[in-house]
C-alpha atoms as a PDB file:
ATOM      1  CA  MET A   1     -21.927  -3.908 -22.173  1.00  0.00           C
ATOM      2  CA  THR A   2     -22.673  -7.607 -22.439  1.00  0.00           C
ATOM      3  CA  GLU A   3     -25.179  -8.956 -19.936  1.00  0.00           C
ATOM      4  CA  ARG A   4     -23.624 -11.384 -17.511  1.00  0.00           C
ATOM      5  CA  ALA A   5     -24.995 -14.146 -15.350  1.00  0.00           C
ATOM      6  CA  ALA A   6     -26.157 -13.164 -11.874  1.00  0.00           C
ATOM      7  CA  SER A   7     -24.084 -15.957 -10.322  1.00  0.00           C
ATOM      8  CA  ALA A   8     -20.713 -17.568 -10.901  1.00  0.00           C
ATOM      9  CA  ASP A   9     -19.491 -21.152 -10.767  1.00  0.00           C
ATOM     10  CA  PHE A  10     -16.939 -21.907  -8.054  1.00  0.00           C
ATOM     11  CA  LEU A  11     -13.523 -22.964  -9.257  1.00  0.00           C
ATOM     12  CA  THR A  12     -12.725 -26.507  -8.154  1.00  0.00           C
ATOM     13  CA  ALA A  13      -9.294 -26.866  -9.809  1.00  0.00           C
ATOM     14  CA  PHE A  14      -6.893 -25.113 -12.139  1.00  0.00           C
ATOM     15  CA  ALA A  15      -3.711 -25.885 -14.020  1.00  0.00           C
ATOM     16  CA  THR A  16      -1.255 -24.026 -16.217  1.00  0.00           C
ATOM     17  CA  GLY A  17       1.044 -25.232 -18.941  1.00  0.00           C
ATOM     18  CA  TRP A  18       2.094 -24.592 -22.515  1.00  0.00           C
ATOM     19  CA  PRO A  19       1.846 -26.425 -25.818  1.00  0.00           C
ATOM     20  CA  GLU A  20       5.096 -28.176 -26.724  1.00  0.00           C
ATOM     21  CA  ARG A  21       5.067 -26.707 -30.224  1.00  0.00           C
ATOM     22  CA  GLU A  22       4.020 -23.212 -29.089  1.00  0.00           C
ATOM     23  CA  PRO A  23       6.190 -22.320 -26.067  1.00  0.00           C
ATOM     24  CA  HIS A  24       5.200 -18.638 -26.420  1.00  0.00           C
ATOM     25  CA  LEU A  25       1.641 -19.423 -25.235  1.00  0.00           C
ATOM     26  CA  MET A  26       0.381 -20.295 -21.778  1.00  0.00           C
ATOM     27  CA  VAL A  27      -2.724 -22.420 -21.340  1.00  0.00           C
ATOM     28  CA  LEU A  28      -4.857 -21.883 -18.257  1.00  0.00           C
ATOM     29  CA  SER A  29      -7.337 -24.680 -17.524  1.00  0.00           C
ATOM     30  CA  LEU A  30     -10.171 -23.810 -15.138  1.00  0.00           C
ATOM     31  CA  THR A  31     -12.394 -26.569 -13.748  1.00  0.00           C
ATOM     32  CA  THR A  32     -15.871 -26.140 -12.254  1.00  0.00           C
ATOM     33  CA  GLN A  33     -18.659 -28.615 -11.622  1.00  0.00           C
ATOM     34  CA  LYS A  34     -19.789 -27.944 -15.203  1.00  0.00           C
ATOM     35  CA  GLY A  35     -16.484 -29.005 -16.757  1.00  0.00           C
ATOM     36  CA  VAL A  36     -13.140 -27.658 -17.922  1.00  0.00           C
ATOM     37  CA  GLN A  37     -12.476 -24.484 -19.905  1.00  0.00           C
ATOM     38  CA  ASP A  38      -9.055 -23.933 -21.489  1.00  0.00           C
ATOM     39  CA  PHE A  39      -7.730 -20.451 -22.284  1.00  0.00           C
ATOM     40  CA  ALA A  40      -4.595 -19.721 -24.327  1.00  0.00           C
ATOM     41  CA  MET A  41      -2.767 -16.450 -23.744  1.00  0.00           C
ATOM     42  CA  THR A  42       0.482 -14.681 -24.470  1.00  0.00           C
ATOM     43  CA  ARG A  43       3.116 -13.968 -21.833  1.00  0.00           C
ATOM     44  CA  GLU A  44       1.991 -10.330 -21.624  1.00  0.00           C
ATOM     45  CA  GLN A  45      -1.646 -11.336 -21.130  1.00  0.00           C
ATOM     46  CA  ALA A  46      -0.681 -13.891 -18.459  1.00  0.00           C
ATOM     47  CA  LEU A  47       1.330 -11.279 -16.533  1.00  0.00           C
ATOM     48  CA  LEU A  48      -1.529  -8.756 -16.719  1.00  0.00           C
ATOM     49  CA  ILE A  49      -4.040 -11.355 -15.521  1.00  0.00           C
ATOM     50  CA  ALA A  50      -1.726 -12.340 -12.638  1.00  0.00           C
ATOM     51  CA  LYS A  51      -1.263  -8.684 -11.635  1.00  0.00           C
ATOM     52  CA  THR A  52      -5.008  -8.027 -11.749  1.00  0.00           C
ATOM     53  CA  ILE A  53      -5.862 -11.170  -9.745  1.00  0.00           C
ATOM     54  CA  LYS A  54      -3.237 -10.311  -7.106  1.00  0.00           C
ATOM     55  CA  ARG A  55      -4.544  -6.737  -6.751  1.00  0.00           C
ATOM     56  CA  THR A  56      -8.182  -7.872  -6.578  1.00  0.00           C
ATOM     57  CA  ALA A  57      -7.459 -10.709  -4.130  1.00  0.00           C
ATOM     58  CA  ALA A  58      -5.753  -8.254  -1.763  1.00  0.00           C
ATOM     59  CA  GLN A  59      -9.018  -6.272  -1.622  1.00  0.00           C
ATOM     60  CA  LEU A  60     -11.260  -9.252  -0.842  1.00  0.00           C
ATOM     61  CA  ALA A  61     -12.871  -9.512   2.553  1.00  0.00           C
ATOM     62  CA  PRO A  62     -12.118 -12.671   4.548  1.00  0.00           C
ATOM     63  CA  ALA A  63     -14.393 -15.632   3.781  1.00  0.00           C
ATOM     64  CA  PRO A  64     -17.295 -16.212   6.183  1.00  0.00           C
ATOM     65  CA  ALA A  65     -16.686 -18.737   8.973  1.00  0.00           C
ATOM     66  CA  GLY A  66     -18.301 -21.533   6.960  1.00  0.00           C
ATOM     67  CA  GLY A  67     -16.273 -20.735   3.840  1.00  0.00           C
ATOM     68  CA  PRO A  68     -17.662 -19.923   0.385  1.00  0.00           C
ATOM     69  CA  VAL A  69     -21.273 -20.852  -0.180  1.00  0.00           C
ATOM     70  CA  PRO A  70     -22.033 -22.336  -3.640  1.00  0.00           C
ATOM     71  CA  GLY A  71     -24.872 -20.569  -5.391  1.00  0.00           C
ATOM     72  CA  VAL A  72     -24.304 -17.180  -3.756  1.00  0.00           C
ATOM     73  CA  LYS A  73     -25.214 -14.373  -6.143  1.00  0.00           C
ATOM     74  CA  ARG A  74     -22.495 -12.018  -7.350  1.00  0.00           C
ATOM     75  CA  ALA A  75     -22.746  -8.295  -6.922  1.00  0.00           C
END
């Protein structure tokens, strides 16, 4: 397995869209303090990602009273 960073950047914005000449692709743009990353995916990939995010989000504990704390280490 690939080694991963011990911490994650907080998402500050996101957007979705599709290229005019490639309507079969969705582009997901994720913005953090370090910049913007764009990801292109097929409809099937987008639906799988949405399903996975929804399932995972339902299992999250409520945020602490002060909200998310930047720089907190991931498990």
